[in-house]
Protein backbone atom coordinates (compact mmCIF):
# COMPACT_ATOMS: atom_id res chain seq x y z
CA MET A 1 130.10 -62.21 -101.19
CA ASN A 2 128.12 -59.76 -99.09
CA ASP A 3 127.27 -56.36 -100.52
CA PRO A 4 129.71 -53.86 -98.92
CA SER A 5 126.78 -51.63 -97.94
CA SER A 6 125.34 -54.41 -95.81
CA LEU A 7 128.45 -54.35 -93.59
CA PHE A 8 127.14 -51.04 -92.23
CA MET A 9 124.54 -53.07 -90.31
CA ILE A 10 127.10 -54.71 -88.07
CA LEU A 11 127.98 -51.28 -86.68
CA LEU A 12 124.67 -51.40 -84.82
CA VAL A 13 126.14 -54.15 -82.65
CA LEU A 14 129.75 -52.96 -82.64
CA ILE A 15 129.18 -49.29 -81.71
CA PRO A 16 127.72 -49.91 -78.23
CA LEU A 17 130.37 -52.58 -77.58
CA ALA A 18 133.17 -50.25 -78.71
CA VAL A 19 132.15 -47.81 -75.98
CA LEU A 20 132.97 -50.38 -73.26
CA PRO A 21 136.79 -50.01 -73.21
CA LEU A 22 136.41 -46.24 -73.31
CA LEU A 23 134.16 -46.37 -70.25
CA TYR A 24 136.73 -48.47 -68.42
CA LEU A 25 139.56 -46.07 -69.26
CA ALA A 26 137.44 -43.11 -68.11
CA ARG A 27 136.14 -44.79 -64.94
CA GLY A 28 137.79 -42.17 -62.71
CA ASN A 29 136.35 -39.22 -64.63
CA GLU A 30 132.54 -38.90 -64.54
CA ASN A 31 132.30 -36.24 -67.25
CA LEU A 32 134.55 -38.10 -69.68
CA ARG A 33 132.81 -41.42 -69.05
CA GLU A 34 129.37 -39.96 -69.70
CA ASN A 35 130.59 -38.08 -72.77
CA PHE A 36 131.85 -41.37 -74.22
CA SER A 37 128.40 -42.88 -73.60
CA LEU A 38 126.69 -39.94 -75.25
CA PHE A 39 129.04 -40.03 -78.24
CA GLY A 40 128.30 -43.73 -78.75
CA SER A 41 124.55 -43.15 -78.51
CA PHE A 42 124.59 -40.32 -81.06
CA PHE A 43 126.82 -42.31 -83.44
CA ASN A 44 124.35 -45.20 -83.14
CA LEU A 45 121.48 -42.83 -83.93
CA PHE A 46 123.36 -41.55 -86.99
CA VAL A 47 123.90 -45.11 -88.29
CA VAL A 48 120.23 -46.06 -87.75
CA ILE A 49 119.01 -42.96 -89.59
CA SER A 50 121.53 -43.57 -92.41
CA LEU A 51 120.35 -47.16 -92.81
CA TYR A 52 116.74 -46.02 -92.75
CA GLY A 53 117.49 -43.55 -95.53
CA ALA A 54 119.25 -46.26 -97.53
CA SER A 55 116.27 -48.60 -97.11
CA GLN A 56 114.00 -45.98 -98.69
CA ARG A 57 116.11 -46.24 -101.83
CA GLY A 58 115.86 -50.04 -101.97
CA ALA A 59 115.92 -53.17 -99.80
CA LEU A 60 119.02 -53.61 -97.66
CA PRO A 61 120.95 -56.78 -98.52
CA GLU A 62 121.40 -59.59 -96.00
CA LEU A 63 124.66 -59.85 -94.10
CA ASN A 64 125.72 -63.47 -93.50
CA LEU A 65 128.50 -64.02 -90.94
CA GLY A 66 128.65 -67.82 -91.10
CA TYR A 67 126.48 -70.81 -90.30
CA LEU A 68 125.42 -71.79 -86.78
CA LEU A 69 123.51 -74.84 -88.06
CA PRO A 70 122.90 -76.25 -91.54
CA ASN A 71 120.67 -73.72 -93.36
CA VAL A 72 120.76 -71.41 -90.28
CA PRO A 73 123.37 -68.65 -90.54
CA LEU A 74 124.22 -65.92 -88.07
CA SER A 75 122.75 -63.28 -90.33
CA PHE A 76 121.35 -59.77 -90.29
CA GLN A 77 118.71 -58.04 -92.38
CA ILE A 78 116.50 -55.08 -91.49
CA ASP A 79 112.82 -54.93 -92.39
CA SER A 80 110.22 -52.33 -91.38
CA LEU A 81 109.49 -53.96 -87.99
CA GLY A 82 113.21 -54.06 -87.25
CA PHE A 83 113.45 -50.35 -88.01
CA ILE A 84 110.70 -49.57 -85.49
CA LEU A 85 112.70 -51.25 -82.71
CA LEU A 86 115.98 -49.73 -83.91
CA LEU A 87 114.51 -46.22 -84.00
CA THR A 88 112.98 -46.68 -80.55
CA ALA A 89 116.34 -47.60 -79.01
CA ALA A 90 118.31 -45.08 -81.08
CA PHE A 91 116.22 -42.05 -80.12
CA LEU A 92 115.89 -42.95 -76.44
CA TRP A 93 119.43 -44.18 -75.71
CA PRO A 94 121.05 -40.68 -75.66
CA LEU A 95 118.21 -39.26 -73.56
CA ALA A 96 118.39 -42.17 -71.13
CA THR A 97 122.18 -41.72 -70.88
CA LEU A 98 121.86 -38.03 -70.08
CA TYR A 99 119.11 -38.69 -67.54
CA SER A 100 121.11 -41.52 -65.94
CA ALA A 101 124.05 -39.19 -65.40
CA GLY A 102 121.87 -36.76 -63.45
CA TYR A 103 120.10 -39.49 -61.50
CA LEU A 104 123.18 -41.50 -60.53
CA ARG A 105 125.04 -38.38 -59.46
CA GLY A 106 122.06 -37.11 -57.49
CA HIS A 107 121.77 -40.42 -55.63
CA HIS A 108 125.54 -40.84 -55.29
CA GLU A 109 125.17 -44.36 -56.68
CA LYS A 110 128.06 -46.81 -56.57
CA ASN A 111 129.29 -48.83 -59.57
CA GLN A 112 128.31 -46.17 -62.09
CA THR A 113 130.84 -47.38 -64.67
CA ARG A 114 129.39 -50.90 -64.49
CA PHE A 115 125.91 -49.39 -64.94
CA PHE A 116 126.83 -47.53 -68.14
CA SER A 117 128.76 -50.55 -69.44
CA MET A 118 125.84 -52.95 -69.01
CA PHE A 119 123.54 -50.35 -70.54
CA CYS A 120 125.73 -50.37 -73.67
CA VAL A 121 125.71 -54.17 -73.86
CA ALA A 122 121.90 -54.13 -73.53
CA ILE A 123 121.60 -51.69 -76.43
CA ALA A 124 123.94 -53.82 -78.56
CA ALA A 125 121.78 -56.88 -77.84
CA THR A 126 118.60 -54.94 -78.61
CA ASN A 127 120.02 -53.84 -81.95
CA GLY A 128 121.07 -57.43 -82.63
CA VAL A 129 117.52 -58.66 -82.01
CA ALA A 130 116.13 -55.95 -84.31
CA ILE A 131 118.34 -56.86 -87.27
CA SER A 132 118.22 -60.67 -86.92
CA SER A 133 117.05 -62.42 -90.08
CA ASN A 134 116.25 -65.76 -88.44
CA LEU A 135 114.98 -67.14 -85.15
CA LEU A 136 118.30 -68.55 -83.90
CA THR A 137 120.14 -65.26 -84.39
CA LEU A 138 117.34 -63.48 -82.55
CA TYR A 139 117.51 -66.05 -79.75
CA VAL A 140 121.26 -65.54 -79.27
CA PHE A 141 120.89 -61.77 -78.84
CA TYR A 142 117.78 -62.21 -76.69
CA GLU A 143 119.82 -64.25 -74.20
CA ILE A 144 122.68 -61.73 -74.26
CA LEU A 145 120.14 -59.06 -73.33
CA SER A 146 118.89 -61.19 -70.42
CA LEU A 147 122.38 -61.66 -69.01
CA SER A 148 123.45 -58.04 -69.51
CA THR A 149 120.42 -56.62 -67.69
CA TYR A 150 120.79 -58.87 -64.63
CA PRO A 151 123.58 -56.67 -63.14
CA LEU A 152 121.35 -53.65 -63.72
CA VAL A 153 118.40 -55.16 -61.87
CA THR A 154 120.70 -56.11 -58.95
CA HIS A 155 122.59 -52.79 -59.09
CA HIS A 156 122.11 -51.97 -55.39
CA GLN A 157 123.52 -55.36 -54.35
CA ASP A 158 121.29 -55.62 -51.26
CA ALA A 159 119.06 -58.54 -50.27
CA GLU A 160 115.99 -57.07 -52.00
CA ALA A 161 117.90 -56.46 -55.24
CA ARG A 162 119.39 -59.97 -55.26
CA SER A 163 115.98 -61.51 -54.65
CA ALA A 164 114.52 -59.49 -57.53
CA GLY A 165 117.46 -60.52 -59.71
CA ARG A 166 116.92 -64.21 -59.02
CA ARG A 167 113.24 -63.88 -59.91
CA TYR A 168 114.17 -61.92 -63.04
CA LEU A 169 116.51 -64.64 -64.30
CA ALA A 170 114.12 -67.43 -63.29
CA PHE A 171 111.31 -65.98 -65.40
CA ILE A 172 113.35 -64.55 -68.28
CA MET A 173 115.83 -67.37 -68.85
CA GLY A 174 113.51 -70.08 -67.54
CA GLY A 175 111.03 -69.12 -70.24
CA SER A 176 113.56 -68.84 -73.05
CA VAL A 177 115.45 -72.04 -72.23
CA GLY A 178 112.46 -74.08 -71.06
CA LEU A 179 109.95 -73.04 -73.72
CA VAL A 180 111.46 -71.10 -76.63
CA LEU A 181 114.47 -73.35 -77.15
CA PRO A 182 112.39 -76.58 -77.45
CA ALA A 183 109.98 -74.74 -79.77
CA LEU A 184 112.90 -73.47 -81.86
CA ILE A 185 114.33 -76.98 -82.16
CA THR A 186 110.91 -78.37 -83.10
CA VAL A 187 110.47 -75.77 -85.85
CA TYR A 188 113.97 -76.48 -87.17
CA VAL A 189 113.40 -80.24 -87.27
CA LYS A 190 110.05 -79.78 -89.00
CA ALA A 191 110.94 -77.03 -91.47
CA GLY A 192 114.69 -77.46 -91.94
CA ASN A 193 115.46 -73.76 -91.45
CA LEU A 194 114.55 -70.82 -89.19
CA THR A 195 114.53 -67.90 -91.63
CA PHE A 196 111.75 -65.43 -90.96
CA GLY A 197 108.87 -65.74 -93.38
CA SER A 198 109.89 -69.08 -94.86
CA VAL A 199 108.62 -71.79 -92.48
CA GLY A 200 104.96 -70.98 -91.83
CA LEU A 201 103.47 -72.95 -94.73
CA VAL A 202 105.56 -76.00 -93.89
CA LEU A 203 104.25 -75.93 -90.34
CA GLN A 204 100.67 -75.44 -91.52
CA GLN A 205 100.87 -78.70 -93.43
CA GLY A 206 102.37 -80.59 -90.50
CA GLY A 207 99.29 -81.00 -88.32
CA TRP A 208 101.20 -81.12 -85.02
CA SER A 209 100.21 -79.50 -81.72
CA ALA A 210 99.54 -75.90 -82.67
CA ALA A 211 98.41 -74.72 -79.23
CA LEU A 212 101.60 -75.88 -77.51
CA ILE A 213 103.95 -74.24 -80.00
CA THR A 214 101.95 -70.99 -79.87
CA LEU A 215 102.01 -70.91 -76.06
CA ALA A 216 105.70 -71.78 -76.02
CA PHE A 217 106.53 -68.63 -77.99
CA LEU A 218 103.97 -66.44 -76.21
CA TYR A 219 105.15 -67.36 -72.71
CA GLY A 220 108.73 -68.37 -73.49
CA PHE A 221 109.63 -64.86 -74.59
CA SER A 222 108.62 -63.81 -71.09
CA LYS A 223 110.02 -60.30 -71.43
CA ALA A 224 106.62 -59.67 -73.06
CA ALA A 225 105.12 -60.21 -69.57
CA VAL A 226 101.85 -61.88 -70.59
CA MET A 227 100.19 -63.07 -67.38
CA PRO A 228 101.15 -65.20 -65.50
CA MET A 229 104.73 -64.70 -66.81
CA HIS A 230 104.63 -61.09 -65.60
CA ALA A 231 105.72 -61.41 -61.96
CA TRP A 232 109.37 -60.53 -62.64
CA LEU A 233 108.47 -57.05 -63.83
CA PRO A 234 107.03 -55.37 -60.68
CA GLY A 235 109.80 -57.00 -58.64
CA ALA A 236 112.47 -55.49 -60.89
CA MET A 237 111.37 -52.02 -59.73
CA VAL A 238 113.94 -52.23 -56.91
CA ALA A 239 116.51 -51.23 -59.56
CA PRO A 240 117.45 -47.56 -60.06
CA THR A 241 114.92 -45.60 -62.10
CA PRO A 242 117.16 -45.37 -65.21
CA VAL A 243 117.16 -49.19 -65.22
CA SER A 244 113.37 -49.16 -64.97
CA SER A 245 113.23 -46.86 -67.98
CA LEU A 246 115.51 -49.26 -69.87
CA LEU A 247 113.35 -52.24 -68.87
CA HIS A 248 110.02 -50.61 -69.71
CA ALA A 249 110.67 -48.36 -72.68
CA VAL A 250 113.98 -48.79 -74.47
CA ALA A 251 115.02 -52.42 -74.50
CA VAL A 252 113.80 -55.35 -72.44
CA VAL A 253 110.02 -55.43 -72.73
CA LYS A 254 110.10 -54.08 -76.29
CA VAL A 255 112.43 -56.92 -77.24
CA GLY A 256 109.94 -59.28 -75.59
CA VAL A 257 106.96 -58.18 -77.68
CA PHE A 258 109.15 -57.86 -80.77
CA SER A 259 110.25 -61.50 -80.37
CA VAL A 260 106.68 -62.72 -79.90
CA ILE A 261 105.56 -60.76 -82.99
CA ARG A 262 108.39 -62.31 -84.99
CA SER A 263 107.35 -65.77 -83.78
CA LEU A 264 103.66 -65.31 -84.50
CA CYS A 265 103.98 -63.46 -87.81
CA ASP A 266 107.28 -64.62 -89.32
CA VAL A 267 107.81 -68.12 -87.89
CA LEU A 268 104.36 -69.65 -87.34
CA GLY A 269 102.66 -67.23 -89.70
CA PRO A 270 99.05 -66.01 -89.96
CA ALA A 271 98.02 -69.02 -92.06
CA PHE A 272 99.18 -71.44 -89.36
CA LEU A 273 97.54 -69.52 -86.50
CA THR A 274 94.30 -69.08 -88.45
CA GLU A 275 94.16 -72.67 -89.70
CA HIS A 276 94.59 -74.06 -86.18
CA HIS A 277 92.55 -71.28 -84.49
CA THR A 278 95.35 -70.56 -82.01
CA ARG A 279 95.23 -66.84 -82.69
CA TYR A 280 92.11 -66.80 -80.51
CA LEU A 281 94.22 -68.23 -77.70
CA VAL A 282 96.61 -65.29 -78.01
CA THR A 283 93.70 -62.85 -78.18
CA THR A 284 92.07 -64.24 -75.03
CA LEU A 285 95.24 -64.37 -72.91
CA CYS A 286 96.31 -60.88 -73.93
CA THR A 287 92.84 -59.43 -73.27
CA LEU A 288 92.88 -60.88 -69.76
CA THR A 289 96.32 -59.39 -69.17
CA VAL A 290 95.19 -55.96 -70.40
CA VAL A 291 92.18 -55.83 -68.06
CA VAL A 292 93.70 -57.44 -64.96
CA SER A 293 96.87 -55.34 -65.08
CA ALA A 294 94.81 -52.14 -65.41
CA ALA A 295 92.75 -53.15 -62.36
CA LEU A 296 95.91 -53.85 -60.35
CA MET A 297 97.28 -50.40 -61.23
CA VAL A 298 94.51 -48.69 -59.31
CA SER A 299 95.48 -50.28 -55.98
CA GLN A 300 99.18 -49.33 -56.08
CA ASP A 301 100.65 -46.59 -53.89
CA ASN A 302 104.24 -47.06 -55.01
CA LEU A 303 104.50 -45.05 -58.24
CA LYS A 304 107.01 -47.35 -59.96
CA ARG A 305 104.90 -50.44 -59.23
CA CYS A 306 101.87 -48.62 -60.62
CA LEU A 307 103.83 -47.90 -63.81
CA ALA A 308 105.02 -51.51 -63.93
CA PHE A 309 101.47 -52.86 -64.04
CA SER A 310 100.68 -50.27 -66.69
CA THR A 311 103.55 -51.62 -68.80
CA ILE A 312 102.27 -55.19 -68.48
CA GLY A 313 98.95 -54.14 -69.97
CA GLN A 314 100.49 -52.03 -72.74
CA LEU A 315 102.62 -54.93 -73.95
CA SER A 316 99.53 -57.10 -74.28
CA TYR A 317 97.81 -54.28 -76.19
CA ILE A 318 100.51 -54.73 -78.83
CA LEU A 319 100.24 -58.52 -79.03
CA LEU A 320 96.46 -58.42 -78.92
CA ALA A 321 96.38 -56.06 -81.88
CA VAL A 322 98.71 -58.28 -83.88
CA SER A 323 96.59 -61.38 -83.10
CA PHE A 324 93.67 -59.92 -85.08
CA PHE A 325 95.78 -60.47 -88.21
CA ASN A 326 94.22 -57.62 -90.12
CA LYS A 327 96.15 -54.66 -91.52
CA THR A 328 94.77 -52.16 -89.02
CA GLY A 329 95.63 -54.35 -86.04
CA ILE A 330 99.20 -55.17 -87.06
CA THR A 331 99.80 -51.52 -87.98
CA GLY A 332 98.40 -50.26 -84.66
CA GLY A 333 100.24 -52.85 -82.59
CA CYS A 334 103.62 -52.27 -84.21
CA ALA A 335 103.22 -48.48 -84.09
CA HIS A 336 102.37 -48.76 -80.39
CA ILE A 337 105.88 -50.10 -79.73
CA PHE A 338 107.23 -46.65 -80.58
CA MET A 339 104.34 -44.56 -79.24
CA HIS A 340 104.27 -46.32 -75.87
CA ALA A 341 108.06 -46.03 -75.48
CA PHE A 342 107.98 -42.22 -75.41
CA GLY A 343 105.06 -42.04 -73.00
CA LYS A 344 106.38 -44.68 -70.62
CA ILE A 345 109.96 -43.46 -70.46
CA THR A 346 108.59 -40.00 -69.66
CA LEU A 347 106.69 -41.38 -66.67
CA PHE A 348 109.71 -43.26 -65.36
CA PHE A 349 111.95 -40.24 -65.85
CA CYS A 350 109.45 -38.21 -63.82
CA ALA A 351 109.23 -40.89 -61.11
CA GLY A 352 113.02 -40.83 -60.79
CA ALA A 353 113.11 -37.02 -60.67
CA ILE A 354 110.53 -37.02 -57.88
CA ALA A 355 112.46 -39.67 -55.92
CA CYS A 356 115.79 -37.93 -56.41
CA HIS A 357 114.71 -34.31 -55.86
CA ALA A 358 111.76 -34.61 -53.47
CA HIS A 359 112.70 -37.99 -51.90
CA LYS A 360 109.19 -39.35 -52.41
CA LYS A 361 108.17 -42.58 -54.10
CA TYR A 362 104.61 -43.11 -52.83
CA ILE A 363 101.61 -41.52 -54.56
CA SER A 364 100.07 -40.66 -51.18
CA GLN A 365 103.05 -38.34 -50.55
CA PHE A 366 102.52 -36.20 -53.66
CA ASP A 367 100.14 -33.59 -52.21
CA GLY A 368 101.08 -30.18 -53.62
CA LEU A 369 104.25 -31.48 -55.27
CA GLY A 370 103.13 -30.39 -58.74
CA ARG A 371 103.24 -26.75 -57.64
CA SER A 372 106.82 -27.21 -56.48
CA MET A 373 108.00 -29.24 -59.52
CA PRO A 374 105.89 -27.83 -62.38
CA TRP A 375 108.14 -28.99 -65.25
CA THR A 376 108.31 -32.56 -63.98
CA PHE A 377 104.59 -32.85 -63.36
CA GLY A 378 103.76 -31.13 -66.64
CA ALA A 379 105.75 -33.82 -68.42
CA PHE A 380 104.15 -36.46 -66.18
CA THR A 381 100.70 -35.27 -67.27
CA LEU A 382 101.59 -35.63 -70.95
CA GLY A 383 103.04 -39.08 -70.28
CA CYS A 384 99.79 -40.10 -68.58
CA LEU A 385 97.76 -38.92 -71.59
CA ALA A 386 99.99 -41.01 -73.89
CA ILE A 387 99.57 -44.17 -71.81
CA ILE A 388 95.81 -43.73 -71.35
CA GLY A 389 95.52 -43.08 -75.08
CA LEU A 390 94.25 -39.50 -75.21
CA PRO A 391 95.07 -36.66 -77.62
CA PRO A 392 97.28 -34.81 -78.28
CA THR A 393 99.74 -37.71 -77.91
CA GLY A 394 100.89 -40.49 -80.22
CA GLY A 395 99.43 -43.08 -77.86
CA PHE A 396 95.96 -41.97 -78.93
CA LEU A 397 96.63 -42.81 -82.59
CA SER A 398 97.99 -46.32 -82.00
CA LYS A 399 95.25 -47.19 -79.50
CA TRP A 400 92.61 -45.88 -81.90
CA LEU A 401 93.93 -48.24 -84.56
CA ILE A 402 93.91 -51.15 -82.09
CA VAL A 403 90.29 -50.59 -81.03
CA THR A 404 89.28 -50.13 -84.69
CA ALA A 405 91.05 -53.39 -85.55
CA ALA A 406 89.05 -55.24 -82.88
CA LEU A 407 85.82 -53.99 -84.45
CA LYS A 408 87.00 -54.93 -87.95
CA ALA A 409 87.84 -58.41 -86.66
CA GLY A 410 84.23 -58.79 -85.46
CA MET A 411 85.19 -58.61 -81.77
CA PRO A 412 83.22 -55.71 -80.24
CA LEU A 413 83.52 -57.27 -76.79
CA ILE A 414 87.33 -57.08 -77.01
CA ALA A 415 87.03 -53.43 -78.08
CA GLY A 416 84.89 -52.85 -74.99
CA PHE A 417 87.52 -54.43 -72.74
CA LEU A 418 90.17 -52.18 -74.26
CA LEU A 419 88.08 -49.10 -73.47
CA VAL A 420 87.49 -50.35 -69.91
CA SER A 421 91.24 -50.78 -69.42
CA SER A 422 91.80 -47.18 -70.58
CA LEU A 423 89.20 -45.98 -68.09
CA LEU A 424 90.97 -47.90 -65.32
CA LYS A 425 94.27 -46.29 -66.30
CA ALA A 426 92.61 -42.88 -66.15
CA TRP A 427 91.25 -43.81 -62.71
CA ALA A 428 94.81 -44.61 -61.61
CA PHE A 429 96.59 -41.62 -63.19
CA PHE A 430 94.24 -38.64 -62.90
CA PRO A 431 94.08 -38.70 -59.07
CA ILE A 432 97.90 -38.49 -59.04
CA ILE A 433 97.78 -35.36 -61.19
CA PHE A 434 94.96 -33.84 -59.12
CA ARG A 435 96.77 -34.58 -55.86
CA ALA A 436 100.01 -33.04 -57.12
CA TYR A 437 98.45 -29.81 -58.39
CA PHE A 438 95.42 -29.17 -56.21
CA ALA A 439 95.77 -30.99 -52.89
CA PRO A 440 96.98 -28.75 -50.02
CA THR A 441 100.49 -29.32 -48.76
CA PRO A 442 100.42 -31.29 -45.48
CA LYS A 443 101.03 -29.13 -42.41
CA GLY A 444 104.63 -29.03 -41.31
CA GLU A 445 105.96 -30.50 -44.57
CA HIS A 446 108.44 -28.54 -46.64
CA LEU A 447 108.36 -29.21 -50.37
CA PRO A 448 111.56 -28.92 -52.40
CA GLU A 449 112.37 -25.52 -53.82
CA GLY A 450 112.45 -25.54 -57.60
CA ASP A 451 112.43 -28.46 -60.00
CA CYS A 452 114.98 -31.20 -60.60
CA GLY A 453 118.35 -30.45 -62.19
CA TRP A 454 118.70 -29.89 -65.93
CA LEU A 455 120.43 -33.26 -66.55
CA MET A 456 117.19 -34.95 -65.53
CA ARG A 457 114.72 -32.24 -66.56
CA PHE A 458 115.90 -31.86 -70.16
CA PRO A 459 115.40 -35.55 -71.16
CA LEU A 460 111.96 -35.84 -69.56
CA LEU A 461 110.79 -32.67 -71.27
CA LEU A 462 112.08 -33.94 -74.62
CA THR A 463 110.36 -37.32 -74.33
CA ALA A 464 107.11 -35.65 -73.24
CA THR A 465 107.36 -33.30 -76.21
CA GLY A 466 108.09 -36.31 -78.41
CA SER A 467 104.78 -37.89 -77.39
CA VAL A 468 102.97 -34.75 -78.60
CA VAL A 469 105.03 -34.47 -81.80
CA LEU A 470 104.08 -38.06 -82.66
CA PHE A 471 100.41 -37.08 -82.57
CA PHE A 472 100.93 -34.50 -85.32
CA PHE A 473 103.68 -36.28 -87.30
CA PRO A 474 103.10 -40.04 -86.99
CA ASP A 475 103.59 -40.87 -90.68
CA PRO A 476 107.17 -42.28 -90.61
CA ILE A 477 106.28 -44.82 -87.91
CA LEU A 478 102.86 -45.61 -89.37
CA ARG A 479 104.42 -46.23 -92.81
CA LEU A 480 106.87 -48.71 -91.30
CA ALA A 481 104.09 -50.46 -89.39
CA GLU A 482 101.86 -50.61 -92.48
CA ALA A 483 104.70 -52.03 -94.57
CA PHE A 484 105.22 -54.83 -92.05
CA ALA A 485 101.47 -55.51 -91.93
CA GLU A 486 101.35 -55.87 -95.72
CA GLN A 487 104.40 -58.14 -95.64
CA VAL A 488 102.76 -60.42 -93.05
CA LEU A 489 99.33 -60.50 -94.67
CA SER A 490 100.83 -61.39 -98.02
CA ARG A 491 101.40 -64.80 -96.40
CA GLY A 492 97.77 -65.12 -95.29
CA GLY A 493 95.48 -63.23 -92.89
CA LEU A 494 92.06 -61.72 -92.43
């Protein structure tokens, strides 16, 4: 019999889904529909914080809903890594909902009810991934997330959006079905179960192809966008900016790196990856992704594509840090999930505000725009600092830990590459800021009067402020990341 307190966990999946019929009933009333979305997001935040408080008083029990396979139940349990993903989605969902209302109204977008509905399903799937206690449960919710975000990517329903949607599904579901599913079956046949933390030693003793199984998880969970499985991400920028913020900060890519971390740390395990030396394979591929994506950023004129290549590199920062398999690296990598989310969603919020209010999406068009939209570009500047990894933002702390972890792992060259990538990001971002504030306005061009509306301005200012707050008060996230690092290294590491 499950502990009654564990039933509270299932609310994390049910709350976003319960909003769906309310959205349908309110489809003719914008204010009511968006209020339902906001109510669901705040209720979800309340449940996450309540569960976090309960976890501080003792481990949360597992919730078992029945068996999918022998020894493989559909089951939920939240550990410290799961809480990092839950808190990321819980804090950003209400802000993204409020911002989406302003953006969709400003652009007079069609199918707004479908947009908010699919957003809710995506959050439910993200929560499901975060609380999964075994690989098959995670895989089920991972696929639900893929299917629910396809209508968001193709929201505009034009030829460009459909093309991007086909590429999105080809990479995302092609990787999960073609690589992860065979790897999952192989692990199950070899170990007899898929529970996180219980199969690594069995695999270590097996002596089968370690490189293939490692690559299958690294590239199969292609939402993590490790090159060359990254091409879907820049193409998905045809979607509305609130979708881009969902893809890059709240749900999709964070679920990608989360799933790879689970596979490396809780399925294969540090002992397996160290024994077979495949952790160096992960380190090398992620380092290449970090450097190449940063170089590609510099050449982009479309702001959203520039941010997309930035995201690709940041995701590999996380996986690279984890691949060191020391406490500093796993702590820094897991903390970066949360730190990066606030910085990146700020940048996408700002990109959408610029597109909606000033009707500009190319960096070369930003001359003088910072003087006309000071709040938006002030937030954009803080977001840039967070992504580059400069104080006073939380991104500085997590990147500092990652570089330190590279040195502790005896890899000074990798640390050098990380610093080079940060310099390339500064090379890409600082000219945008300079152009917006100091470049003269082109002759004959009229800049918009005032900043964007409060529905868009309020969320981007809050997320920018959040990046600064995390610099001064990082302890809750760092404690969660450290607890997960200790849990992983108790099963072997460096």
